[in-house]
């Protein structure tokens, strides 16, 4: 079941993201801050956080919000599933939910940023599989040799 993220989910979501082996410690700290801000204020500013739960176990989540100063452009900031359930359709269900929700809100475009590092290969293939196109690459953005890769999909 996909449901709104609750404050009590935060500890589990941080552990889930950390155990994927993809996110750096400072990114997990940023996620903690994002979720804290979401529950404190951003939930009322159209920010959305959803959690995938099955049989009482949290298996994934996504966080998305409108891009400031744009006409109905949105960002998917976070999407992750447990390492044990990757490639089993949960990420696809989360992404499809995000896209449909943004369409309901009259969103036009969804942008997703990721890294060019090899351990993000499956992540980039996931977005391509879901009909996102690579819209931009900014070389050495995160660090030398670690490019920012931006994916885009028109939703309207």
N, C-alpha and C. Protein backbone atom coordinates (compact mmCIF):
# COMPACT_ATOMS: atom_id res chain seq x y z
N UNK A 1 0.84 -1.17 0.00
CA UNK A 1 0.00 0.00 0.00
C UNK A 1 0.89 1.24 0.00
N UNK A 2 0.50 2.22 -0.76
CA UNK A 2 1.19 3.50 -0.77
C UNK A 2 0.36 4.46 0.06
N UNK A 3 1.02 5.08 1.02
CA UNK A 3 0.33 5.98 1.95
C UNK A 3 1.20 7.20 2.23
N UNK A 4 0.60 8.26 2.79
CA UNK A 4 1.42 9.41 3.17
C UNK A 4 2.45 9.01 4.24
N UNK A 5 3.63 9.58 4.14
CA UNK A 5 4.67 9.35 5.14
C UNK A 5 4.27 10.01 6.45
N UNK A 6 4.49 9.29 7.54
CA UNK A 6 4.18 9.79 8.88
C UNK A 6 5.49 10.13 9.61
N UNK A 7 5.44 11.03 10.59
CA UNK A 7 6.67 11.35 11.34
C UNK A 7 7.34 10.10 11.93
N UNK A 8 6.56 9.14 12.38
CA UNK A 8 7.13 7.92 12.97
C UNK A 8 7.90 7.08 11.96
N UNK A 9 7.72 7.33 10.67
CA UNK A 9 8.43 6.58 9.63
C UNK A 9 9.88 7.03 9.44
N UNK A 10 10.21 8.21 9.92
CA UNK A 10 11.50 8.83 9.60
C UNK A 10 12.69 7.92 9.90
N UNK A 11 12.75 7.36 11.08
CA UNK A 11 13.89 6.51 11.45
C UNK A 11 14.02 5.33 10.49
N UNK A 12 12.91 4.71 10.15
CA UNK A 12 12.93 3.57 9.24
C UNK A 12 13.36 3.99 7.84
N UNK A 13 12.88 5.14 7.36
CA UNK A 13 13.25 5.61 6.02
C UNK A 13 14.73 5.97 5.95
N UNK A 14 15.27 6.54 7.00
CA UNK A 14 16.70 6.85 7.03
C UNK A 14 17.53 5.56 6.97
N UNK A 15 17.12 4.57 7.73
CA UNK A 15 17.84 3.29 7.72
C UNK A 15 17.71 2.61 6.36
N UNK A 16 16.52 2.66 5.77
CA UNK A 16 16.29 2.07 4.45
C UNK A 16 17.22 2.71 3.43
N UNK A 17 17.24 4.04 3.39
CA UNK A 17 18.08 4.76 2.43
C UNK A 17 19.56 4.44 2.66
N UNK A 18 19.96 4.39 3.90
CA UNK A 18 21.35 4.10 4.22
C UNK A 18 21.76 2.70 3.76
N UNK A 19 20.88 1.73 3.94
CA UNK A 19 21.20 0.34 3.59
C UNK A 19 21.17 0.06 2.09
N UNK A 20 20.70 1.00 1.29
CA UNK A 20 20.75 0.78 -0.16
C UNK A 20 22.18 0.74 -0.66
N UNK A 21 23.08 1.39 0.08
CA UNK A 21 24.48 1.44 -0.33
C UNK A 21 24.75 2.49 -1.40
N UNK A 22 23.75 3.28 -1.72
CA UNK A 22 23.88 4.28 -2.78
C UNK A 22 24.15 5.67 -2.20
N UNK A 23 23.50 5.99 -1.10
CA UNK A 23 23.57 7.35 -0.56
C UNK A 23 24.73 7.51 0.41
N UNK A 24 25.38 8.67 0.30
CA UNK A 24 26.50 9.02 1.18
C UNK A 24 25.95 9.48 2.53
N UNK A 25 26.77 9.43 3.59
CA UNK A 25 26.30 9.86 4.92
C UNK A 25 25.70 11.26 4.94
N UNK A 26 26.29 12.20 4.20
CA UNK A 26 25.73 13.56 4.22
C UNK A 26 24.38 13.61 3.51
N UNK A 27 24.13 12.68 2.58
CA UNK A 27 22.83 12.62 1.92
C UNK A 27 21.77 12.06 2.87
N UNK A 28 22.15 11.12 3.72
CA UNK A 28 21.22 10.59 4.72
C UNK A 28 20.88 11.69 5.72
N UNK A 29 21.88 12.47 6.10
CA UNK A 29 21.63 13.60 7.00
C UNK A 29 20.69 14.60 6.34
N UNK A 30 20.89 14.86 5.05
CA UNK A 30 20.00 15.77 4.31
C UNK A 30 18.57 15.22 4.27
N UNK A 31 18.44 13.90 4.08
CA UNK A 31 17.11 13.30 4.08
C UNK A 31 16.43 13.49 5.43
N UNK A 32 17.17 13.33 6.51
CA UNK A 32 16.62 13.55 7.85
C UNK A 32 16.09 14.98 7.96
N UNK A 33 16.87 15.94 7.47
CA UNK A 33 16.44 17.35 7.52
C UNK A 33 15.22 17.58 6.63
N UNK A 34 15.21 16.96 5.45
CA UNK A 34 14.08 17.11 4.53
C UNK A 34 12.79 16.58 5.17
N UNK A 35 12.87 15.40 5.77
CA UNK A 35 11.68 14.82 6.39
C UNK A 35 11.23 15.61 7.61
N UNK A 36 12.18 16.12 8.39
CA UNK A 36 11.83 16.96 9.54
C UNK A 36 11.10 18.22 9.06
N UNK A 37 11.65 18.88 8.05
CA UNK A 37 11.01 20.08 7.49
C UNK A 37 9.66 19.76 6.88
N UNK A 38 9.56 18.60 6.23
CA UNK A 38 8.30 18.20 5.62
C UNK A 38 7.20 18.12 6.68
N UNK A 39 7.47 17.43 7.76
CA UNK A 39 6.46 17.26 8.80
C UNK A 39 6.18 18.56 9.56
N UNK A 40 7.19 19.44 9.65
CA UNK A 40 7.01 20.70 10.37
C UNK A 40 6.25 21.73 9.55
N UNK A 41 6.63 21.90 8.26
CA UNK A 41 6.03 22.99 7.48
C UNK A 41 5.77 22.67 6.01
N UNK A 42 6.65 21.92 5.37
CA UNK A 42 6.58 21.78 3.92
C UNK A 42 5.39 20.96 3.43
N UNK A 43 4.82 20.15 4.31
CA UNK A 43 3.65 19.36 3.93
C UNK A 43 2.52 20.28 3.46
N UNK A 44 2.47 21.46 4.04
CA UNK A 44 1.46 22.44 3.66
C UNK A 44 1.83 23.26 2.44
N UNK A 45 2.99 23.03 1.88
CA UNK A 45 3.47 23.79 0.72
C UNK A 45 3.53 22.92 -0.53
N UNK A 46 2.67 21.95 -0.63
CA UNK A 46 2.57 21.02 -1.75
C UNK A 46 3.69 19.99 -1.82
N UNK A 47 4.62 19.99 -0.89
CA UNK A 47 5.61 18.91 -0.85
C UNK A 47 4.87 17.62 -0.51
N UNK A 48 5.34 16.52 -1.09
CA UNK A 48 4.68 15.23 -0.90
C UNK A 48 5.72 14.18 -0.52
N UNK A 49 5.38 13.37 0.46
CA UNK A 49 6.21 12.23 0.83
C UNK A 49 5.29 11.03 0.97
N UNK A 50 5.64 9.96 0.24
CA UNK A 50 4.82 8.76 0.26
C UNK A 50 5.67 7.57 0.66
N UNK A 51 5.02 6.61 1.30
CA UNK A 51 5.69 5.42 1.81
C UNK A 51 4.99 4.18 1.28
N UNK A 52 5.77 3.22 0.84
CA UNK A 52 5.24 1.93 0.39
C UNK A 52 5.39 0.96 1.55
N UNK A 53 4.24 0.44 2.00
CA UNK A 53 4.24 -0.50 3.12
C UNK A 53 3.50 -1.77 2.72
N UNK A 54 4.06 -2.91 3.11
CA UNK A 54 3.43 -4.19 2.81
C UNK A 54 3.55 -5.09 4.04
N UNK A 55 2.42 -5.61 4.50
CA UNK A 55 2.37 -6.48 5.68
C UNK A 55 3.05 -5.82 6.88
N UNK A 56 2.84 -4.51 7.03
CA UNK A 56 3.39 -3.78 8.16
C UNK A 56 4.85 -3.41 8.04
N UNK A 57 5.48 -3.72 6.91
CA UNK A 57 6.90 -3.42 6.72
C UNK A 57 7.06 -2.34 5.65
N UNK A 58 7.85 -1.32 5.97
CA UNK A 58 8.13 -0.25 5.02
C UNK A 58 9.19 -0.75 4.05
N UNK A 59 8.85 -0.70 2.75
CA UNK A 59 9.76 -1.22 1.71
C UNK A 59 10.28 -0.13 0.77
N UNK A 60 9.73 1.08 0.84
CA UNK A 60 10.20 2.14 -0.04
C UNK A 60 9.51 3.45 0.25
N UNK A 61 10.02 4.50 -0.39
CA UNK A 61 9.42 5.82 -0.22
C UNK A 61 9.83 6.72 -1.39
N UNK A 62 9.11 7.82 -1.51
CA UNK A 62 9.45 8.85 -2.50
C UNK A 62 9.09 10.22 -1.92
N UNK A 63 9.86 11.21 -2.33
CA UNK A 63 9.63 12.59 -1.89
C UNK A 63 9.70 13.49 -3.13
N UNK A 64 8.68 14.32 -3.33
CA UNK A 64 8.63 15.18 -4.50
C UNK A 64 7.93 16.48 -4.17
N UNK A 65 8.22 17.49 -4.98
CA UNK A 65 7.67 18.83 -4.71
C UNK A 65 7.74 19.68 -5.97
N UNK A 66 6.92 20.73 -6.01
CA UNK A 66 6.99 21.66 -7.14
C UNK A 66 8.35 22.38 -7.16
N UNK A 67 8.84 22.66 -8.34
CA UNK A 67 10.07 23.45 -8.49
C UNK A 67 9.70 24.92 -8.35
N UNK A 68 10.38 25.61 -7.48
CA UNK A 68 10.10 27.03 -7.25
C UNK A 68 10.26 27.84 -8.53
N UNK A 69 9.43 28.84 -8.68
CA UNK A 69 9.49 29.82 -9.77
C UNK A 69 9.33 29.19 -11.15
N UNK A 70 8.54 28.11 -11.23
CA UNK A 70 8.27 27.48 -12.52
C UNK A 70 6.76 27.35 -12.69
N UNK A 71 6.37 27.09 -13.92
CA UNK A 71 4.97 26.83 -14.23
C UNK A 71 4.73 25.33 -14.22
N UNK A 72 4.40 24.78 -13.06
CA UNK A 72 3.96 23.40 -12.89
C UNK A 72 5.04 22.36 -13.18
N UNK A 73 6.29 22.72 -12.95
CA UNK A 73 7.40 21.77 -13.03
C UNK A 73 7.64 21.22 -11.63
N UNK A 74 7.89 19.94 -11.56
CA UNK A 74 8.10 19.25 -10.29
C UNK A 74 9.46 18.56 -10.28
N UNK A 75 9.96 18.30 -9.06
CA UNK A 75 11.18 17.53 -8.85
C UNK A 75 10.86 16.29 -8.04
N UNK A 76 11.43 15.17 -8.44
CA UNK A 76 11.46 13.99 -7.60
C UNK A 76 12.81 14.05 -6.88
N UNK A 77 12.77 14.33 -5.59
CA UNK A 77 14.01 14.49 -4.83
C UNK A 77 14.56 13.17 -4.30
N UNK A 78 13.67 12.27 -3.92
CA UNK A 78 14.10 11.00 -3.34
C UNK A 78 13.18 9.89 -3.81
N UNK A 79 13.74 8.78 -4.12
CA UNK A 79 12.99 7.54 -4.32
C UNK A 79 13.95 6.41 -3.96
N UNK A 80 13.48 5.51 -3.11
CA UNK A 80 14.34 4.40 -2.69
C UNK A 80 13.47 3.23 -2.25
N UNK A 81 13.98 2.05 -2.48
CA UNK A 81 13.36 0.83 -1.97
C UNK A 81 14.43 0.00 -1.28
N UNK A 82 13.99 -0.89 -0.41
CA UNK A 82 14.96 -1.72 0.29
C UNK A 82 15.81 -2.50 -0.71
N UNK A 83 17.03 -2.74 -0.33
CA UNK A 83 17.95 -3.47 -1.20
C UNK A 83 17.38 -4.84 -1.56
N UNK A 84 16.68 -5.48 -0.63
CA UNK A 84 16.14 -6.82 -0.86
C UNK A 84 14.96 -6.82 -1.83
N UNK A 85 14.31 -5.67 -2.01
CA UNK A 85 13.12 -5.63 -2.89
C UNK A 85 13.37 -4.85 -4.17
N UNK A 86 14.63 -4.46 -4.43
CA UNK A 86 14.92 -3.76 -5.67
C UNK A 86 14.65 -4.69 -6.85
N UNK A 87 14.18 -4.11 -7.95
CA UNK A 87 13.87 -4.83 -9.20
C UNK A 87 12.67 -5.77 -9.03
N UNK A 88 11.78 -5.45 -8.09
CA UNK A 88 10.58 -6.27 -7.88
C UNK A 88 9.30 -5.46 -8.08
N UNK A 89 9.42 -4.27 -8.67
CA UNK A 89 8.24 -3.49 -9.02
C UNK A 89 7.82 -2.42 -8.03
N UNK A 90 8.43 -2.38 -6.86
CA UNK A 90 8.02 -1.39 -5.86
C UNK A 90 8.42 0.01 -6.30
N UNK A 91 9.62 0.17 -6.81
CA UNK A 91 10.05 1.48 -7.31
C UNK A 91 9.15 1.96 -8.43
N UNK A 92 8.76 1.05 -9.32
CA UNK A 92 7.86 1.40 -10.42
C UNK A 92 6.51 1.85 -9.88
N UNK A 93 5.99 1.16 -8.88
CA UNK A 93 4.71 1.55 -8.28
C UNK A 93 4.81 2.94 -7.65
N UNK A 94 5.90 3.18 -6.95
CA UNK A 94 6.10 4.50 -6.34
C UNK A 94 6.18 5.59 -7.41
N UNK A 95 6.99 5.35 -8.44
CA UNK A 95 7.17 6.35 -9.50
C UNK A 95 5.86 6.59 -10.24
N UNK A 96 5.11 5.55 -10.53
CA UNK A 96 3.82 5.72 -11.19
C UNK A 96 2.86 6.52 -10.33
N UNK A 97 2.88 6.27 -9.02
CA UNK A 97 2.03 7.03 -8.10
C UNK A 97 2.41 8.51 -8.12
N UNK A 98 3.72 8.77 -8.06
CA UNK A 98 4.21 10.16 -8.10
C UNK A 98 3.73 10.84 -9.38
N UNK A 99 3.94 10.20 -10.51
CA UNK A 99 3.55 10.80 -11.80
C UNK A 99 2.04 11.07 -11.84
N UNK A 100 1.24 10.12 -11.39
CA UNK A 100 -0.21 10.30 -11.43
C UNK A 100 -0.64 11.42 -10.50
N UNK A 101 -0.04 11.49 -9.33
CA UNK A 101 -0.38 12.55 -8.39
C UNK A 101 -0.03 13.92 -8.97
N UNK A 102 1.12 14.02 -9.59
CA UNK A 102 1.53 15.30 -10.19
C UNK A 102 0.59 15.65 -11.34
N UNK A 103 0.19 14.68 -12.13
CA UNK A 103 -0.80 14.95 -13.20
C UNK A 103 -2.10 15.49 -12.60
N UNK A 104 -2.55 14.88 -11.51
CA UNK A 104 -3.77 15.33 -10.83
C UNK A 104 -3.64 16.79 -10.39
N UNK A 105 -2.43 17.18 -10.04
CA UNK A 105 -2.16 18.55 -9.60
C UNK A 105 -1.83 19.47 -10.78
N UNK A 106 -2.05 18.97 -11.99
CA UNK A 106 -1.83 19.72 -13.23
C UNK A 106 -0.37 19.99 -13.52
N UNK A 107 0.53 19.15 -12.97
CA UNK A 107 1.95 19.29 -13.25
C UNK A 107 2.25 18.98 -14.71
N UNK A 108 3.26 19.66 -15.26
CA UNK A 108 3.64 19.50 -16.67
C UNK A 108 4.84 18.60 -16.85
N UNK A 109 5.86 18.83 -16.02
CA UNK A 109 7.16 18.18 -16.21
C UNK A 109 7.66 17.67 -14.86
N UNK A 110 8.28 16.49 -14.89
CA UNK A 110 8.94 15.96 -13.70
C UNK A 110 10.43 15.82 -14.00
N UNK A 111 11.25 16.41 -13.15
CA UNK A 111 12.70 16.35 -13.27
C UNK A 111 13.27 15.48 -12.15
N UNK A 112 14.32 14.76 -12.50
CA UNK A 112 15.00 13.89 -11.53
C UNK A 112 16.50 14.07 -11.73
N UNK A 113 17.21 14.31 -10.65
CA UNK A 113 18.66 14.45 -10.70
C UNK A 113 19.31 13.22 -10.08
N UNK A 114 20.41 12.77 -10.68
CA UNK A 114 21.16 11.65 -10.12
C UNK A 114 22.63 11.80 -10.50
N UNK A 115 23.40 10.86 -10.06
CA UNK A 115 24.85 10.87 -10.28
C UNK A 115 25.23 10.02 -11.48
N UNK A 116 26.40 10.30 -12.03
CA UNK A 116 26.93 9.52 -13.14
C UNK A 116 27.81 8.36 -12.68
N UNK A 117 28.03 8.23 -11.39
CA UNK A 117 28.92 7.18 -10.89
C UNK A 117 28.39 5.79 -11.24
N UNK A 118 29.28 4.82 -11.40
CA UNK A 118 28.87 3.48 -11.80
C UNK A 118 27.81 2.84 -10.91
N UNK A 119 27.84 3.10 -9.60
CA UNK A 119 26.85 2.45 -8.74
C UNK A 119 25.45 3.06 -8.89
N UNK A 120 25.32 4.06 -9.75
CA UNK A 120 24.01 4.61 -10.10
C UNK A 120 23.53 4.12 -11.47
N UNK A 121 24.25 3.18 -12.08
CA UNK A 121 23.85 2.66 -13.39
C UNK A 121 22.42 2.13 -13.38
N UNK A 122 22.08 1.32 -12.38
CA UNK A 122 20.73 0.76 -12.32
C UNK A 122 19.67 1.85 -12.13
N UNK A 123 20.03 2.88 -11.38
CA UNK A 123 19.11 4.00 -11.17
C UNK A 123 18.82 4.69 -12.50
N UNK A 124 19.87 4.97 -13.27
CA UNK A 124 19.67 5.65 -14.55
C UNK A 124 18.88 4.76 -15.52
N UNK A 125 19.16 3.45 -15.53
CA UNK A 125 18.39 2.53 -16.37
C UNK A 125 16.93 2.49 -15.96
N UNK A 126 16.66 2.59 -14.68
CA UNK A 126 15.28 2.61 -14.16
C UNK A 126 14.52 3.80 -14.75
N UNK A 127 15.14 4.98 -14.75
CA UNK A 127 14.45 6.16 -15.30
C UNK A 127 14.23 6.03 -16.80
N UNK A 128 15.21 5.53 -17.50
CA UNK A 128 15.06 5.34 -18.95
C UNK A 128 13.95 4.33 -19.24
N UNK A 129 13.89 3.25 -18.47
CA UNK A 129 12.83 2.25 -18.61
C UNK A 129 11.45 2.88 -18.46
N UNK A 130 11.37 3.92 -17.63
CA UNK A 130 10.09 4.60 -17.38
C UNK A 130 9.90 5.83 -18.28
N UNK A 131 10.61 5.84 -19.40
CA UNK A 131 10.43 6.83 -20.46
C UNK A 131 10.89 8.24 -20.09
N UNK A 132 11.88 8.33 -19.23
CA UNK A 132 12.52 9.62 -18.97
C UNK A 132 13.66 9.76 -19.97
N UNK A 133 13.94 10.97 -20.35
CA UNK A 133 15.09 11.18 -21.23
C UNK A 133 16.13 12.00 -20.49
N UNK A 134 17.36 11.76 -20.86
CA UNK A 134 18.46 12.51 -20.25
C UNK A 134 18.44 13.92 -20.82
N UNK A 135 18.12 14.87 -19.97
CA UNK A 135 17.96 16.25 -20.42
C UNK A 135 19.24 17.07 -20.29
N UNK A 136 20.11 16.68 -19.37
CA UNK A 136 21.33 17.47 -19.16
C UNK A 136 22.36 16.66 -18.38
N UNK A 137 23.60 17.03 -18.59
CA UNK A 137 24.72 16.51 -17.80
C UNK A 137 25.60 17.69 -17.45
N UNK A 138 25.90 17.84 -16.18
CA UNK A 138 26.83 18.87 -15.74
C UNK A 138 28.04 18.14 -15.18
N UNK A 139 29.14 18.26 -15.90
CA UNK A 139 30.34 17.52 -15.53
C UNK A 139 30.91 18.00 -14.21
N UNK A 140 31.43 17.03 -13.45
CA UNK A 140 32.12 17.28 -12.18
C UNK A 140 31.26 18.07 -11.18
N UNK A 141 29.96 17.91 -11.26
CA UNK A 141 29.05 18.68 -10.39
C UNK A 141 29.20 18.29 -8.92
N UNK A 142 29.08 17.00 -8.63
CA UNK A 142 29.14 16.55 -7.23
C UNK A 142 30.58 16.50 -6.72
N UNK A 143 31.48 16.12 -7.60
CA UNK A 143 32.92 16.04 -7.30
C UNK A 143 33.61 15.77 -8.63
N UNK A 144 34.91 15.87 -8.65
CA UNK A 144 35.63 15.54 -9.87
C UNK A 144 35.27 14.13 -10.30
N UNK A 145 34.84 13.98 -11.54
CA UNK A 145 34.46 12.68 -12.07
C UNK A 145 33.06 12.22 -11.72
N UNK A 146 32.32 13.01 -10.98
CA UNK A 146 30.95 12.66 -10.58
C UNK A 146 30.00 13.71 -11.14
N UNK A 147 29.45 13.39 -12.30
CA UNK A 147 28.59 14.34 -13.02
C UNK A 147 27.16 14.31 -12.49
N UNK A 148 26.48 15.44 -12.61
CA UNK A 148 25.05 15.52 -12.38
C UNK A 148 24.35 15.11 -13.67
N UNK A 149 23.42 14.16 -13.58
CA UNK A 149 22.63 13.73 -14.73
C UNK A 149 21.18 14.08 -14.42
N UNK A 150 20.56 14.86 -15.30
CA UNK A 150 19.18 15.29 -15.11
C UNK A 150 18.29 14.55 -16.10
N UNK A 151 17.26 13.91 -15.57
CA UNK A 151 16.26 13.24 -16.39
C UNK A 151 14.97 14.05 -16.36
N UNK A 152 14.24 13.99 -17.45
CA UNK A 152 13.01 14.77 -17.59
C UNK A 152 11.93 13.93 -18.25
N UNK A 153 10.70 14.19 -17.84
CA UNK A 153 9.55 13.55 -18.49
C UNK A 153 8.39 14.53 -18.49
N UNK A 154 7.80 14.71 -19.65
CA UNK A 154 6.62 15.57 -19.78
C UNK A 154 5.42 14.75 -19.33
N UNK A 155 4.64 15.29 -18.41
CA UNK A 155 3.51 14.56 -17.85
C UNK A 155 2.17 15.02 -18.40
N UNK A 156 2.11 16.22 -18.95
CA UNK A 156 0.81 16.71 -19.44
C UNK A 156 0.66 16.45 -20.92
